[in-house]
Protein backbone atom coordinates (compact mmCIF):
# COMPACT_ATOMS: atom_id res chain seq x y z
CA GLN A 1 -8.19 23.81 -11.54
CA VAL A 2 -9.74 20.32 -12.12
CA GLN A 3 -12.92 19.14 -13.66
CA LEU A 4 -14.36 15.43 -13.01
CA VAL A 5 -17.42 14.42 -14.71
CA GLU A 6 -18.79 10.96 -13.27
CA SER A 7 -20.74 8.34 -15.46
CA GLY A 8 -22.17 4.41 -15.48
CA GLY A 9 -25.02 4.84 -13.16
CA GLY A 10 -27.66 3.98 -13.04
CA LEU A 11 -30.44 1.18 -12.02
CA VAL A 12 -29.18 -2.27 -11.16
CA GLN A 13 -31.20 -5.85 -9.50
CA PRO A 14 -30.07 -6.76 -6.22
CA GLY A 15 -26.36 -8.97 -6.68
CA GLY A 16 -25.75 -6.73 -9.92
CA SER A 17 -22.59 -5.07 -10.93
CA LEU A 18 -21.31 -1.63 -12.22
CA ARG A 19 -18.72 0.14 -13.13
CA LEU A 20 -18.52 4.10 -12.62
CA SER A 21 -16.06 6.25 -13.95
CA CYS A 22 -15.14 9.60 -13.63
CA ALA A 23 -12.82 11.39 -16.53
CA ALA A 24 -11.24 14.57 -15.85
CA SER A 25 -9.45 17.04 -17.47
CA GLY A 26 -7.70 20.33 -16.42
CA ARG A 27 -4.56 19.97 -14.39
CA THR A 28 -2.10 16.92 -14.30
CA PHE A 29 -4.33 14.33 -13.15
CA SER A 30 -1.25 12.20 -11.88
CA ALA A 31 -0.72 14.62 -9.45
CA TYR A 32 -4.32 13.67 -7.28
CA ILE A 33 -5.19 11.22 -5.35
CA MET A 34 -8.83 10.11 -6.25
CA GLY A 35 -11.69 9.08 -4.10
CA TRP A 36 -14.85 7.50 -4.32
CA PHE A 37 -17.69 8.99 -2.07
CA ARG A 38 -21.97 8.62 -1.90
CA GLN A 39 -24.45 10.17 -0.30
CA ILE A 40 -28.30 9.64 0.46
CA PRO A 41 -30.34 12.28 0.22
CA GLY A 42 -30.62 14.01 3.93
CA LYS A 43 -27.63 12.23 5.02
CA GLU A 44 -23.64 13.18 5.36
CA ARG A 45 -21.82 12.52 2.34
CA GLU A 46 -19.54 8.65 2.80
CA PHE A 47 -16.41 7.75 1.99
CA VAL A 48 -16.44 4.39 -0.28
CA ALA A 49 -12.66 4.28 -1.56
CA THR A 50 -9.34 6.07 -2.54
CA ILE A 51 -6.54 5.54 -4.32
CA SER A 52 -2.60 6.80 -4.36
CA ARG A 53 -1.58 9.22 -7.50
CA SER A 54 0.04 6.06 -8.91
CA GLY A 55 -2.69 3.66 -8.16
CA ALA A 56 -0.21 1.84 -6.03
CA SER A 57 -2.00 2.00 -3.05
CA THR A 58 -6.00 1.65 -2.07
CA TYR A 59 -8.17 2.13 0.65
CA TYR A 60 -11.78 1.10 0.94
CA ALA A 61 -14.88 1.70 3.50
CA ASP A 62 -15.68 -1.52 5.29
CA SER A 63 -19.03 -1.87 3.77
CA VAL A 64 -17.58 -2.08 0.61
CA LYS A 65 -14.56 -3.65 0.95
CA GLY A 66 -14.72 -7.09 -1.21
CA ARG A 67 -17.48 -5.88 -3.67
CA PHE A 68 -16.21 -2.62 -4.73
CA THR A 69 -12.62 -2.08 -7.01
CA ILE A 70 -10.84 1.40 -7.53
CA SER A 71 -8.74 1.80 -10.09
CA ARG A 72 -7.17 4.32 -12.18
CA SER A 73 -6.00 5.19 -15.48
CA ASN A 74 -3.30 8.19 -15.75
CA ALA A 75 -2.61 7.98 -19.81
CA LYS A 76 -7.01 7.98 -19.91
CA ASN A 77 -7.15 10.42 -16.94
CA THR A 78 -9.78 8.43 -15.15
CA VAL A 79 -10.46 6.82 -12.22
CA TYR A 80 -12.85 3.60 -11.88
CA LEU A 81 -14.94 2.12 -9.70
CA GLN A 82 -16.16 -1.30 -10.25
CA MET A 83 -19.02 -2.30 -8.15
CA ASN A 84 -20.37 -6.28 -7.58
CA SER A 85 -22.53 -7.43 -5.70
CA LEU A 86 -24.52 -4.55 -5.68
CA LYS A 87 -27.07 -4.55 -2.17
CA PRO A 88 -29.83 -1.99 -2.28
CA GLU A 89 -27.84 -0.35 0.88
CA ASP A 90 -25.65 0.91 -1.86
CA THR A 91 -28.28 3.08 -3.40
CA ALA A 92 -27.06 7.13 -3.23
CA VAL A 93 -25.27 9.77 -5.41
CA TYR A 94 -21.90 8.64 -6.10
CA TYR A 95 -18.86 11.42 -6.38
CA CYS A 96 -15.70 11.20 -7.53
CA ALA A 97 -12.97 13.61 -6.20
CA ALA A 98 -9.45 14.34 -6.16
CA GLY A 99 -7.16 15.62 -3.30
CA GLY A 100 -4.35 17.75 -4.33
CA ARG A 101 -2.09 17.47 -1.05
CA SER A 102 -4.19 14.86 0.72
CA GLY A 103 -6.77 12.33 0.12
CA GLY A 104 -8.19 9.25 2.73
CA MET A 105 -11.90 8.98 3.71
CA TYR A 106 -12.71 12.56 4.93
CA SER A 107 -14.25 14.79 2.46
CA GLU A 108 -12.17 17.92 3.55
CA ASN A 109 -9.32 16.58 2.27
CA TYR A 110 -9.99 17.06 -1.64
CA ASP A 111 -10.32 20.04 -3.48
CA TYR A 112 -11.97 19.38 -6.48
CA TRP A 113 -15.75 17.20 -6.86
CA GLY A 114 -17.70 16.34 -9.96
CA GLN A 115 -21.69 16.34 -10.00
CA GLY A 116 -22.42 12.78 -9.24
CA THR A 117 -24.09 9.88 -10.78
CA PRO A 118 -27.24 8.01 -9.16
CA VAL A 119 -27.14 4.68 -8.20
CA THR A 120 -30.38 2.62 -7.69
CA VAL A 121 -30.14 -0.85 -6.39
CA SER A 122 -33.45 -2.64 -6.65
CA SER A 123 -35.82 -5.19 -7.72
């Protein structure tokens, strides 16, 4: 079992930045592929980014490529999402997820989810 707790969301103006954190507890953090997803009420959960167990490989949705950066610290059991040049369409609840066998862009590949942290981009 892995428990995930996101933090760092909030209100930011367009063009601004936020850094989300996701702290993991439970089983060995480094054994999990980690991902970030987001969801707008009434819409399906959308893939944002994923990172390999070692942190050497990352993959992003086209909508955030070049603006968002996913990283992890296995020593701190934490995965991060640095979000720059934020746009109003980035407004959503952001979730981190852990996958024990696989990851990628499909939510069904992830075994554990956090409770989400809201991000609002508005002037």
